[in-house]
Amino acid sequence: MSTNNHSHNQAHSPDHSEEQKLDATDIMADSLIMRITPKAWHPYLLLLRIDRPAGSWLLLLPCWWGVAMASMGVPDWKLLLVFFIGALTMRGAGCVFNDIVDRKVDAKVARTALRPIPSGQVSVTKAFIFFNIVCLVGLLALLQLNKFSIWVGVAALIPLAVYPFMKRFVHFPQLFMGFAFNWGAMLGWAAVRGELSLAPGLLYLAGIFWSLGYDTIYGHQDKKDDILIGVKSLAIKLGKNNRPWIGLFYFITIFLIIAAGYVADSGWIFYLSMTLPTAHLIWQIKTIDFDNPKDCLSKFKSNRDFGLLVFAAFVLGNTI
């Protein structure tokens, strides 16, 4: 979610009824994971966004891209599993940290007002303790990688820590989210090769532009509330130019992914396979309704499919 740039008077804050909050909330209370787990766990599972795995996929997929691009043949499934666990926990830790930082603003936005911290289900102290436990699990996953990769992973903490605060000062917080969310492109390559080079650097840049696109789409869900409480976001800043700008971000994404594959010597099938993810992004741009929050959320979530198609292209490019 986009967050505020400074404190605001209550008069400028939207006043939502409980019915409005329930209608707007993005919490998936009826998801499978919520139905099969004890009720006492629910506030903490919601802090991790376990009910909404899209963000975990968006953190995981650049890692898998890096692994697949670096692998000579089919990627090691154990390595893919380590990244799966790491992405799940670190995305969860990021969400907890974000919710602690944004708790006052989240209380003013209908979509986020029922989250565990602003709604009072979890205290800030308990959330901070939980955050440290989740980080420990993520650290254990990171320690399964080679020594060079561990240091690359530790360096990722810098953009992860900076991102929530940048949203208060700039109109392009998606850029800082991109720095954090796509670090795995380099980490995945390093986990296989034990070094970094131009190819993972290009893949990292591709992921940043991808994030600029999909998170701008995501920001359209909150633009009415964000304008009222003074939140900065690209969705608001770009105004009527959202479609061409997101199209540009996505065009650069595809160009850089193909460039990364070229530098990494991916096979001919990689280039052919990239037609599918390219078509997917074109579909997003052509069909999105920026004034329909549900459609914006649906298009945002569909980026998991784009990421899986790119992963498949890299796997095919190194195996056929």
C-alpha atoms as a PDB file:
ATOM      1  CA  MET A   1       0.000   0.000   0.000  1.00  0.00           C
ATOM      2  CA  SER A   2       1.063   3.575  -0.554  1.00  0.00           C
ATOM      3  CA  THR A   3       1.690   5.511   2.636  1.00  0.00           C
ATOM      4  CA  ASN A   4       1.838   9.066   3.878  1.00  0.00           C
ATOM      5  CA  ASN A   5       4.514  11.691   3.454  1.00  0.00           C
ATOM      6  CA  HIS A   6       3.921  13.546   6.712  1.00  0.00           C
ATOM      7  CA  SER A   7       1.325  13.841   9.451  1.00  0.00           C
ATOM      8  CA  HIS A   8      -2.021  15.379   8.569  1.00  0.00           C
ATOM      9  CA  ASN A   9      -4.892  16.981  10.416  1.00  0.00           C
ATOM     10  CA  GLN A  10      -7.777  14.678  11.245  1.00  0.00           C
ATOM     11  CA  ALA A  11     -10.026  16.977   9.216  1.00  0.00           C
ATOM     12  CA  HIS A  12      -8.275  15.814   6.073  1.00  0.00           C
ATOM     13  CA  SER A  13      -8.686  12.128   6.925  1.00  0.00           C
ATOM     14  CA  PRO A  14     -11.507  10.081   5.402  1.00  0.00           C
ATOM     15  CA  ASP A  15     -13.998   8.814   7.993  1.00  0.00           C
ATOM     16  CA  HIS A  16     -15.023   5.277   7.053  1.00  0.00           C
ATOM     17  CA  SER A  17     -17.879   3.305   8.575  1.00  0.00           C
ATOM     18  CA  GLU A  18     -17.385  -0.323   9.603  1.00  0.00           C
ATOM     19  CA  GLU A  19     -19.476  -1.326   6.572  1.00  0.00           C
ATOM     20  CA  GLN A  20     -17.173   0.635   4.233  1.00  0.00           C
ATOM     21  CA  LYS A  21     -14.115  -0.988   5.825  1.00  0.00           C
ATOM     22  CA  LEU A  22     -15.581  -4.476   5.420  1.00  0.00           C
ATOM     23  CA  ASP A  23     -16.492  -3.763   1.805  1.00  0.00           C
ATOM     24  CA  ALA A  24     -13.077  -2.321   0.913  1.00  0.00           C
ATOM     25  CA  THR A  25     -10.777  -4.604   2.926  1.00  0.00           C
ATOM     26  CA  ASP A  26      -8.266  -6.745   1.051  1.00  0.00           C
ATOM     27  CA  ILE A  27      -8.175  -9.348   3.843  1.00  0.00           C
ATOM     28  CA  MET A  28      -9.169 -12.795   2.545  1.00  0.00           C
ATOM     29  CA  ALA A  29     -10.889 -14.061   5.690  1.00  0.00           C
ATOM     30  CA  ASP A  30     -12.347 -17.093   3.868  1.00  0.00           C
ATOM     31  CA  SER A  31      -9.058 -18.246   2.303  1.00  0.00           C
ATOM     32  CA  LEU A  32      -8.048 -21.886   2.761  1.00  0.00           C
ATOM     33  CA  ILE A  33      -5.154 -21.090   5.105  1.00  0.00           C
ATOM     34  CA  MET A  34      -7.508 -19.136   7.400  1.00  0.00           C
ATOM     35  CA  ARG A  35     -10.064 -21.948   7.458  1.00  0.00           C
ATOM     36  CA  ILE A  36      -7.588 -24.659   8.483  1.00  0.00           C
ATOM     37  CA  THR A  37      -5.608 -22.760  11.144  1.00  0.00           C
ATOM     38  CA  PRO A  38      -6.514 -21.909  14.786  1.00  0.00           C
ATOM     39  CA  LYS A  39      -8.278 -18.567  15.211  1.00  0.00           C
ATOM     40  CA  ALA A  40      -5.591 -17.343  17.626  1.00  0.00           C
ATOM     41  CA  TRP A  41      -3.048 -17.495  14.796  1.00  0.00           C
ATOM     42  CA  HIS A  42      -5.116 -15.410  12.389  1.00  0.00           C
ATOM     43  CA  PRO A  43      -3.879 -11.901  13.321  1.00  0.00           C
ATOM     44  CA  TYR A  44      -0.269 -13.031  12.872  1.00  0.00           C
ATOM     45  CA  LEU A  45      -0.984 -14.883   9.626  1.00  0.00           C
ATOM     46  CA  LEU A  46      -2.694 -11.711   8.377  1.00  0.00           C
ATOM     47  CA  LEU A  47       0.391  -9.699   9.319  1.00  0.00           C
ATOM     48  CA  LEU A  48       2.382 -12.036   7.052  1.00  0.00           C
ATOM     49  CA  ARG A  49      -0.256 -11.643   4.273  1.00  0.00           C
ATOM     50  CA  ILE A  50      -0.458 -15.452   4.091  1.00  0.00           C
ATOM     51  CA  ASP A  51      -4.017 -15.013   2.828  1.00  0.00           C
ATOM     52  CA  ARG A  52      -2.707 -12.944  -0.112  1.00  0.00           C
ATOM     53  CA  PRO A  53       0.313 -14.702  -1.648  1.00  0.00           C
ATOM     54  CA  ALA A  54       0.697 -12.371  -4.664  1.00  0.00           C
ATOM     55  CA  GLY A  55       3.419 -10.325  -2.952  1.00  0.00           C
ATOM     56  CA  SER A  56       5.374 -13.454  -2.032  1.00  0.00           C
ATOM     57  CA  TRP A  57       5.304 -14.542  -5.668  1.00  0.00           C
ATOM     58  CA  LEU A  58       6.545 -11.119  -6.796  1.00  0.00           C
ATOM     59  CA  LEU A  59       9.476 -11.378  -4.383  1.00  0.00           C
ATOM     60  CA  LEU A  60      10.195 -15.023  -5.246  1.00  0.00           C
ATOM     61  CA  LEU A  61      10.042 -14.895  -9.042  1.00  0.00           C
ATOM     62  CA  PRO A  62      13.098 -12.646  -9.634  1.00  0.00           C
ATOM     63  CA  CYS A  63      15.035 -15.118  -7.419  1.00  0.00           C
ATOM     64  CA  TRP A  64      13.892 -18.002  -9.611  1.00  0.00           C
ATOM     65  CA  TRP A  65      14.724 -15.988 -12.746  1.00  0.00           C
ATOM     66  CA  GLY A  66      18.290 -15.534 -11.488  1.00  0.00           C
ATOM     67  CA  VAL A  67      18.635 -19.229 -10.604  1.00  0.00           C
ATOM     68  CA  ALA A  68      17.214 -20.389 -13.953  1.00  0.00           C
ATOM     69  CA  MET A  69      19.318 -17.953 -15.988  1.00  0.00           C
ATOM     70  CA  ALA A  70      22.501 -19.038 -14.195  1.00  0.00           C
ATOM     71  CA  SER A  71      21.815 -22.789 -14.337  1.00  0.00           C
ATOM     72  CA  MET A  72      23.281 -25.027 -17.001  1.00  0.00           C
ATOM     73  CA  GLY A  73      20.173 -27.133 -17.546  1.00  0.00           C
ATOM     74  CA  VAL A  74      17.219 -27.642 -15.197  1.00  0.00           C
ATOM     75  CA  PRO A  75      17.547 -25.566 -11.979  1.00  0.00           C
ATOM     76  CA  ASP A  76      18.276 -27.404  -8.716  1.00  0.00           C
ATOM     77  CA  TRP A  77      14.877 -27.950  -7.058  1.00  0.00           C
ATOM     78  CA  LYS A  78      16.460 -27.740  -3.578  1.00  0.00           C
ATOM     79  CA  LEU A  79      17.775 -24.272  -4.388  1.00  0.00           C
ATOM     80  CA  LEU A  80      14.351 -23.226  -5.696  1.00  0.00           C
ATOM     81  CA  LEU A  81      12.816 -24.501  -2.434  1.00  0.00           C
ATOM     82  CA  VAL A  82      15.285 -22.507  -0.300  1.00  0.00           C
ATOM     83  CA  PHE A  83      14.325 -19.360  -2.193  1.00  0.00           C
ATOM     84  CA  PHE A  84      10.632 -20.211  -1.787  1.00  0.00           C
ATOM     85  CA  ILE A  85      11.017 -20.372   1.997  1.00  0.00           C
ATOM     86  CA  GLY A  86      13.216 -17.274   2.047  1.00  0.00           C
ATOM     87  CA  ALA A  87      10.832 -15.215  -0.090  1.00  0.00           C
ATOM     88  CA  LEU A  88       7.797 -16.261   1.956  1.00  0.00           C
ATOM     89  CA  THR A  89       9.431 -15.275   5.252  1.00  0.00           C
ATOM     90  CA  MET A  90      11.153 -12.083   4.081  1.00  0.00           C
ATOM     91  CA  ARG A  91       8.042 -10.810   2.308  1.00  0.00           C
ATOM     92  CA  GLY A  92       6.163 -11.536   5.541  1.00  0.00           C
ATOM     93  CA  ALA A  93       8.789  -9.714   7.603  1.00  0.00           C
ATOM     94  CA  GLY A  94       8.592  -6.761   5.227  1.00  0.00           C
ATOM     95  CA  CYS A  95       4.805  -6.643   5.601  1.00  0.00           C
ATOM     96  CA  VAL A  96       5.041  -6.703   9.413  1.00  0.00           C
ATOM     97  CA  PHE A  97       7.646  -3.928   9.404  1.00  0.00           C
ATOM     98  CA  ASN A  98       5.581  -1.948   6.906  1.00  0.00           C
ATOM     99  CA  ASP A  99       2.444  -2.310   9.038  1.00  0.00           C
ATOM    100  CA  ILE A 100       4.279  -1.121  12.153  1.00  0.00           C
ATOM    101  CA  VAL A 101       5.566   1.962  10.322  1.00  0.00           C
ATOM    102  CA  ASP A 102       2.251   2.678   8.544  1.00  0.00           C
ATOM    103  CA  ARG A 103      -0.196   1.862  11.342  1.00  0.00           C
ATOM    104  CA  LYS A 104      -1.589   5.418  11.697  1.00  0.00           C
ATOM    105  CA  VAL A 105      -2.122   5.893   7.975  1.00  0.00           C
ATOM    106  CA  ASP A 106      -3.551   2.381   7.523  1.00  0.00           C
ATOM    107  CA  ALA A 107      -6.231   3.270  10.091  1.00  0.00           C
ATOM    108  CA  LYS A 108      -7.419   6.092   7.783  1.00  0.00           C
ATOM    109  CA  VAL A 109      -7.624   4.033   4.567  1.00  0.00           C
ATOM    110  CA  ALA A 110     -10.715   1.848   4.136  1.00  0.00           C
ATOM    111  CA  ARG A 111      -8.825  -1.037   2.481  1.00  0.00           C
ATOM    112  CA  THR A 112      -6.292  -1.330   5.317  1.00  0.00           C
ATOM    113  CA  ALA A 113      -8.201  -0.170   8.412  1.00  0.00           C
ATOM    114  CA  LEU A 114      -9.026  -3.735   9.492  1.00  0.00           C
ATOM    115  CA  ARG A 115      -5.427  -4.970   9.390  1.00  0.00           C
ATOM    116  CA  PRO A 116      -4.226  -6.444  12.723  1.00  0.00           C
ATOM    117  CA  ILE A 117      -2.245  -3.450  14.038  1.00  0.00           C
ATOM    118  CA  PRO A 118      -4.543  -0.489  13.154  1.00  0.00           C
ATOM    119  CA  SER A 119      -7.586  -2.521  14.255  1.00  0.00           C
ATOM    120  CA  GLY A 120      -5.957  -3.295  17.620  1.00  0.00           C
ATOM    121  CA  GLN A 121      -5.753  -7.083  17.243  1.00  0.00           C
ATOM    122  CA  VAL A 122      -1.948  -7.036  17.630  1.00  0.00           C
ATOM    123  CA  SER A 123       0.028  -4.498  19.678  1.00  0.00           C
ATOM    124  CA  VAL A 124       3.103  -2.796  18.223  1.00  0.00           C
ATOM    125  CA  THR A 125       5.302  -4.587  20.799  1.00  0.00           C
ATOM    126  CA  LYS A 126       3.979  -8.031  19.880  1.00  0.00           C
ATOM    127  CA  ALA A 127       4.282  -7.202  16.182  1.00  0.00           C
ATOM    128  CA  PHE A 128       7.925  -6.207  16.640  1.00  0.00           C
ATOM    129  CA  ILE A 129       8.715  -9.469  18.491  1.00  0.00           C
ATOM    130  CA  PHE A 130       6.982 -11.438  15.730  1.00  0.00           C
ATOM    131  CA  PHE A 131       8.952  -9.495  13.116  1.00  0.00           C
ATOM    132  CA  ASN A 132      12.231 -10.630  14.682  1.00  0.00           C
ATOM    133  CA  ILE A 133      11.107 -14.278  14.789  1.00  0.00           C
ATOM    134  CA  VAL A 134      10.184 -14.204  11.086  1.00  0.00           C
ATOM    135  CA  CYS A 135      13.527 -12.564  10.223  1.00  0.00           C
ATOM    136  CA  LEU A 136      15.323 -15.391  12.027  1.00  0.00           C
ATOM    137  CA  VAL A 137      13.590 -17.974   9.825  1.00  0.00           C
ATOM    138  CA  GLY A 138      14.610 -15.979   6.758  1.00  0.00           C
ATOM    139  CA  LEU A 139      18.203 -15.868   7.996  1.00  0.00           C
ATOM    140  CA  LEU A 140      18.250 -19.653   8.397  1.00  0.00           C
ATOM    141  CA  ALA A 141      17.158 -19.990   4.751  1.00  0.00           C
ATOM    142  CA  LEU A 142      19.859 -17.531   3.621  1.00  0.00           C
ATOM    143  CA  LEU A 143      22.540 -19.513   5.481  1.00  0.00           C
ATOM    144  CA  GLN A 144      21.850 -22.496   3.204  1.00  0.00           C
ATOM    145  CA  LEU A 145      23.489 -20.584   0.315  1.00  0.00           C
ATOM    146  CA  ASN A 146      27.190 -20.130  -0.521  1.00  0.00           C
ATOM    147  CA  LYS A 147      29.234 -17.517   1.351  1.00  0.00           C
ATOM    148  CA  PHE A 148      29.186 -14.955  -1.469  1.00  0.00           C
ATOM    149  CA  SER A 149      25.391 -15.248  -1.732  1.00  0.00           C
ATOM    150  CA  ILE A 150      24.990 -14.724   2.008  1.00  0.00           C
ATOM    151  CA  TRP A 151      26.714 -11.337   1.732  1.00  0.00           C
ATOM    152  CA  VAL A 152      24.600 -10.437  -1.309  1.00  0.00           C
ATOM    153  CA  GLY A 153      21.521 -11.352   0.751  1.00  0.00           C
ATOM    154  CA  VAL A 154      22.632  -9.267   3.739  1.00  0.00           C
ATOM    155  CA  ALA A 155      23.082  -6.247   1.425  1.00  0.00           C
ATOM    156  CA  ALA A 156      19.386  -6.584   0.472  1.00  0.00           C
ATOM    157  CA  LEU A 157      18.424  -5.438   3.974  1.00  0.00           C
ATOM    158  CA  ILE A 158      19.346  -1.844   3.044  1.00  0.00           C
ATOM    159  CA  PRO A 159      16.659  -1.287   0.375  1.00  0.00           C
ATOM    160  CA  LEU A 160      14.182  -3.370   2.422  1.00  0.00           C
ATOM    161  CA  ALA A 161      14.621  -1.070   5.423  1.00  0.00           C
ATOM    162  CA  VAL A 162      14.580   2.182   3.424  1.00  0.00           C
ATOM    163  CA  TYR A 163      11.493   1.487   1.301  1.00  0.00           C
ATOM    164  CA  PRO A 164       8.676   2.101   3.854  1.00  0.00           C
ATOM    165  CA  PHE A 165      10.087   5.529   4.738  1.00  0.00           C
ATOM    166  CA  MET A 166      10.688   6.681   1.153  1.00  0.00           C
ATOM    167  CA  LYS A 167       6.958   6.498   0.533  1.00  0.00           C
ATOM    168  CA  ARG A 168       6.615   9.571   2.727  1.00  0.00           C
ATOM    169  CA  PHE A 169       8.838  11.818   0.646  1.00  0.00           C
ATOM    170  CA  VAL A 170       8.683  10.918  -3.047  1.00  0.00           C
ATOM    171  CA  HIS A 171       6.029  10.399  -5.746  1.00  0.00           C
ATOM    172  CA  PHE A 172       7.773   7.260  -6.998  1.00  0.00           C
ATOM    173  CA  PRO A 173       7.948   4.881  -3.977  1.00  0.00           C
ATOM    174  CA  GLN A 174       7.594   2.010  -6.468  1.00  0.00           C
ATOM    175  CA  LEU A 175      11.210   2.633  -7.485  1.00  0.00           C
ATOM    176  CA  PHE A 176      12.427   1.927  -3.955  1.00  0.00           C
ATOM    177  CA  MET A 177      10.126  -1.081  -3.695  1.00  0.00           C
ATOM    178  CA  GLY A 178      11.683  -2.300  -6.944  1.00  0.00           C
ATOM    179  CA  PHE A 179      15.185  -1.985  -5.464  1.00  0.00           C
ATOM    180  CA  ALA A 180      14.110  -4.257  -2.596  1.00  0.00           C
ATOM    181  CA  PHE A 181      11.777  -6.737  -4.315  1.00  0.00           C
ATOM    182  CA  ASN A 182      14.056  -7.606  -7.225  1.00  0.00           C
ATOM    183  CA  TRP A 183      17.329  -8.090  -5.352  1.00  0.00           C
ATOM    184  CA  GLY A 184      16.667 -11.809  -5.694  1.00  0.00           C
ATOM    185  CA  ALA A 185      17.572 -11.654  -9.396  1.00  0.00           C
ATOM    186  CA  MET A 186      21.174 -11.087  -8.347  1.00  0.00           C
ATOM    187  CA  LEU A 187      20.943 -13.374  -5.333  1.00  0.00           C
ATOM    188  CA  GLY A 188      19.597 -16.253  -7.430  1.00  0.00           C
ATOM    189  CA  TRP A 189      22.449 -15.912  -9.924  1.00  0.00           C
ATOM    190  CA  ALA A 190      25.016 -15.657  -7.111  1.00  0.00           C
ATOM    191  CA  ALA A 191      23.616 -18.794  -5.444  1.00  0.00           C
ATOM    192  CA  VAL A 192      24.432 -20.783  -8.600  1.00  0.00           C
ATOM    193  CA  ARG A 193      27.589 -19.070  -9.883  1.00  0.00           C
ATOM    194  CA  GLY A 194      29.136 -17.651  -6.688  1.00  0.00           C
ATOM    195  CA  GLU A 195      29.701 -14.279  -8.403  1.00  0.00           C
ATOM    196  CA  LEU A 196      27.897 -11.355 -10.023  1.00  0.00           C
ATOM    197  CA  SER A 197      28.190 -10.056 -13.582  1.00  0.00           C
ATOM    198  CA  LEU A 198      26.365  -8.012 -16.219  1.00  0.00           C
ATOM    199  CA  ALA A 199      23.580 -10.556 -16.860  1.00  0.00           C
ATOM    200  CA  PRO A 200      22.113 -10.539 -13.314  1.00  0.00           C
ATOM    201  CA  GLY A 201      22.578  -6.760 -13.208  1.00  0.00           C
ATOM    202  CA  LEU A 202      20.408  -6.380 -16.320  1.00  0.00           C
ATOM    203  CA  LEU A 203      17.854  -8.796 -14.862  1.00  0.00           C
ATOM    204  CA  TYR A 204      17.756  -6.755 -11.646  1.00  0.00           C
ATOM    205  CA  LEU A 205      17.076  -3.566 -13.627  1.00  0.00           C
ATOM    206  CA  ALA A 206      14.334  -5.384 -15.575  1.00  0.00           C
ATOM    207  CA  GLY A 207      12.662  -6.329 -12.313  1.00  0.00           C
ATOM    208  CA  ILE A 208      12.776  -2.716 -11.092  1.00  0.00           C
ATOM    209  CA  PHE A 209      10.917  -1.475 -14.178  1.00  0.00           C
ATOM    210  CA  TRP A 210       8.465  -4.381 -13.842  1.00  0.00           C
ATOM    211  CA  SER A 211       7.763  -3.241 -10.265  1.00  0.00           C
ATOM    212  CA  LEU A 212       7.255   0.351 -11.409  1.00  0.00           C
ATOM    213  CA  GLY A 213       4.502  -0.954 -13.680  1.00  0.00           C
ATOM    214  CA  TYR A 214       2.654  -3.410 -11.464  1.00  0.00           C
ATOM    215  CA  ASP A 215       2.852  -1.345  -8.265  1.00  0.00           C
ATOM    216  CA  THR A 216       1.521   1.732 -10.051  1.00  0.00           C
ATOM    217  CA  ILE A 217      -1.449  -0.424 -11.066  1.00  0.00           C
ATOM    218  CA  TYR A 218      -1.764  -1.567  -7.439  1.00  0.00           C
ATOM    219  CA  GLY A 219      -1.745   2.047  -6.221  1.00  0.00           C
ATOM    220  CA  HIS A 220      -4.925   2.854  -8.139  1.00  0.00           C
ATOM    221  CA  GLN A 221      -6.920   0.915  -5.530  1.00  0.00           C
ATOM    222  CA  ASP A 222      -6.205   3.585  -2.911  1.00  0.00           C
ATOM    223  CA  LYS A 223      -5.999   6.770  -4.961  1.00  0.00           C
ATOM    224  CA  LYS A 224      -9.193   8.369  -3.574  1.00  0.00           C
ATOM    225  CA  ASP A 225      -8.104   7.904   0.036  1.00  0.00           C
ATOM    226  CA  ASP A 226      -4.484   8.727  -0.799  1.00  0.00           C
ATOM    227  CA  ILE A 227      -5.463  12.101  -2.280  1.00  0.00           C
ATOM    228  CA  LEU A 228      -7.498  12.943   0.830  1.00  0.00           C
ATOM    229  CA  ILE A 229      -4.718  12.152   3.300  1.00  0.00           C
ATOM    230  CA  GLY A 230      -1.868  13.506   1.156  1.00  0.00           C
ATOM    231  CA  VAL A 231      -0.159  10.261   0.215  1.00  0.00           C
ATOM    232  CA  LYS A 232       2.327  10.369  -2.666  1.00  0.00           C
ATOM    233  CA  SER A 233       2.209   7.732  -5.414  1.00  0.00           C
ATOM    234  CA  LEU A 234       2.871   7.366  -9.133  1.00  0.00           C
ATOM    235  CA  ALA A 235      -0.762   6.382  -9.674  1.00  0.00           C
ATOM    236  CA  ILE A 236      -1.759   9.904  -8.608  1.00  0.00           C
ATOM    237  CA  LYS A 237       1.247  11.744 -10.048  1.00  0.00           C
ATOM    238  CA  LEU A 238       0.855  10.327 -13.580  1.00  0.00           C
ATOM    239  CA  GLY A 239      -2.848  11.193 -13.751  1.00  0.00           C
ATOM    240  CA  LYS A 240      -4.259  10.574 -17.246  1.00  0.00           C
ATOM    241  CA  ASN A 241      -0.838   9.420 -18.485  1.00  0.00           C
ATOM    242  CA  ASN A 242      -0.810   6.190 -16.451  1.00  0.00           C
ATOM    243  CA  ARG A 243      -1.404   3.878 -19.400  1.00  0.00           C
ATOM    244  CA  PRO A 244       1.457   5.098 -21.652  1.00  0.00           C
ATOM    245  CA  TRP A 245       3.876   5.325 -18.737  1.00  0.00           C
ATOM    246  CA  ILE A 246       3.118   1.808 -17.479  1.00  0.00           C
ATOM    247  CA  GLY A 247       3.441   0.655 -21.079  1.00  0.00           C
ATOM    248  CA  LEU A 248       6.905   2.220 -21.208  1.00  0.00           C
ATOM    249  CA  PHE A 249       7.914   0.564 -17.929  1.00  0.00           C
ATOM    250  CA  TYR A 250       6.791  -2.812 -19.267  1.00  0.00           C
ATOM    251  CA  PHE A 251       8.534  -2.309 -22.634  1.00  0.00           C
ATOM    252  CA  ILE A 252      11.843  -1.612 -20.823  1.00  0.00           C
ATOM    253  CA  THR A 253      11.206  -4.684 -18.639  1.00  0.00           C
ATOM    254  CA  ILE A 254      10.947  -6.998 -21.652  1.00  0.00           C
ATOM    255  CA  PHE A 255      13.926  -5.379 -23.393  1.00  0.00           C
ATOM    256  CA  LEU A 256      16.166  -5.823 -20.318  1.00  0.00           C
ATOM    257  CA  ILE A 257      15.055  -9.426 -19.671  1.00  0.00           C
ATOM    258  CA  ILE A 258      15.916 -10.338 -23.272  1.00  0.00           C
ATOM    259  CA  ALA A 259      19.218  -8.446 -22.977  1.00  0.00           C
ATOM    260  CA  ALA A 260      20.034 -10.383 -19.785  1.00  0.00           C
ATOM    261  CA  GLY A 261      19.258 -13.672 -21.532  1.00  0.00           C
ATOM    262  CA  TYR A 262      21.472 -12.681 -24.460  1.00  0.00           C
ATOM    263  CA  VAL A 263      24.422 -11.827 -22.193  1.00  0.00           C
ATOM    264  CA  ALA A 264      23.891 -15.094 -20.294  1.00  0.00           C
ATOM    265  CA  ASP A 265      23.923 -17.083 -23.568  1.00  0.00           C
ATOM    266  CA  SER A 266      20.355 -18.403 -23.268  1.00  0.00           C
ATOM    267  CA  GLY A 267      19.335 -20.662 -26.168  1.00  0.00           C
ATOM    268  CA  TRP A 268      17.092 -19.701 -29.105  1.00  0.00           C
ATOM    269  CA  ILE A 269      14.005 -21.163 -27.434  1.00  0.00           C
ATOM    270  CA  PHE A 270      14.320 -18.469 -24.728  1.00  0.00           C
ATOM    271  CA  TYR A 271      13.644 -15.699 -27.249  1.00  0.00           C
ATOM    272  CA  LEU A 272      10.702 -17.566 -28.758  1.00  0.00           C
ATOM    273  CA  SER A 273       9.272 -18.278 -25.301  1.00  0.00           C
ATOM    274  CA  MET A 274       9.460 -14.594 -24.328  1.00  0.00           C
ATOM    275  CA  THR A 275       6.587 -13.864 -26.739  1.00  0.00           C
ATOM    276  CA  LEU A 276       4.123 -15.209 -24.154  1.00  0.00           C
ATOM    277  CA  PRO A 277       5.098 -12.947 -21.215  1.00  0.00           C
ATOM    278  CA  THR A 278       5.333 -10.033 -23.643  1.00  0.00           C
ATOM    279  CA  ALA A 279       1.765 -10.708 -24.822  1.00  0.00           C
ATOM    280  CA  HIS A 280       0.650 -10.900 -21.190  1.00  0.00           C
ATOM    281  CA  LEU A 281       1.951  -7.398 -20.395  1.00  0.00           C
ATOM    282  CA  ILE A 282       0.357  -6.007 -23.572  1.00  0.00           C
ATOM    283  CA  TRP A 283      -2.951  -7.527 -22.421  1.00  0.00           C
ATOM    284  CA  GLN A 284      -2.594  -5.809 -19.029  1.00  0.00           C
ATOM    285  CA  ILE A 285      -2.001  -2.402 -20.614  1.00  0.00           C
ATOM    286  CA  LYS A 286      -4.826  -2.685 -23.143  1.00  0.00           C
ATOM    287  CA  THR A 287      -7.543  -3.985 -20.808  1.00  0.00           C
ATOM    288  CA  ILE A 288      -6.951  -2.409 -17.383  1.00  0.00           C
ATOM    289  CA  ASP A 289      -9.683  -0.158 -15.954  1.00  0.00           C
ATOM    290  CA  PHE A 290      -7.872   2.305 -13.681  1.00  0.00           C
ATOM    291  CA  ASP A 291     -11.145   3.416 -12.068  1.00  0.00           C
ATOM    292  CA  ASN A 292     -12.118  -0.118 -11.061  1.00  0.00           C
ATOM    293  CA  PRO A 293     -10.196  -1.154  -7.907  1.00  0.00           C
ATOM    294  CA  LYS A 294     -11.131  -4.825  -8.333  1.00  0.00           C
ATOM    295  CA  ASP A 295      -9.798  -4.867 -11.911  1.00  0.00           C
ATOM    296  CA  CYS A 296      -6.594  -3.124 -10.774  1.00  0.00           C
ATOM    297  CA  LEU A 297      -6.099  -5.785  -8.106  1.00  0.00           C
ATOM    298  CA  SER A 298      -6.781  -8.556 -10.618  1.00  0.00           C
ATOM    299  CA  LYS A 299      -4.249  -7.145 -13.110  1.00  0.00           C
ATOM    300  CA  PHE A 300      -1.706  -6.682 -10.322  1.00  0.00           C
ATOM    301  CA  LYS A 301      -2.094 -10.316  -9.221  1.00  0.00           C
ATOM    302  CA  SER A 302      -1.756 -11.515 -12.823  1.00  0.00           C
ATOM    303  CA  ASN A 303       1.907 -10.492 -12.706  1.00  0.00           C
ATOM    304  CA  ARG A 304       2.554 -13.823 -10.985  1.00  0.00           C
ATOM    305  CA  ASP A 305       1.648 -15.471 -14.302  1.00  0.00           C
ATOM    306  CA  PHE A 306       3.975 -13.110 -16.172  1.00  0.00           C
ATOM    307  CA  GLY A 307       6.814 -13.998 -13.789  1.00  0.00           C
ATOM    308  CA  LEU A 308       6.219 -17.739 -14.152  1.00  0.00           C
ATOM    309  CA  LEU A 309       6.255 -17.400 -17.953  1.00  0.00           C
ATOM    310  CA  VAL A 310       9.628 -15.609 -17.799  1.00  0.00           C
ATOM    311  CA  PHE A 311      10.956 -18.321 -15.466  1.00  0.00           C
ATOM    312  CA  ALA A 312       9.787 -20.989 -17.922  1.00  0.00           C
ATOM    313  CA  ALA A 313      11.496 -19.121 -20.784  1.00  0.00           C
ATOM    314  CA  PHE A 314      14.838 -19.144 -18.941  1.00  0.00           C
ATOM    315  CA  VAL A 315      14.490 -22.844 -18.028  1.00  0.00           C
ATOM    316  CA  LEU A 316      13.682 -23.773 -21.637  1.00  0.00           C
ATOM    317  CA  GLY A 317      16.507 -21.552 -22.917  1.00  0.00           C
ATOM    318  CA  ASN A 318      19.030 -23.513 -20.847  1.00  0.00           C
ATOM    319  CA  THR A 319      17.674 -27.016 -21.418  1.00  0.00           C
ATOM    320  CA  ILE A 320      16.672 -27.185 -25.087  1.00  0.00           C
END
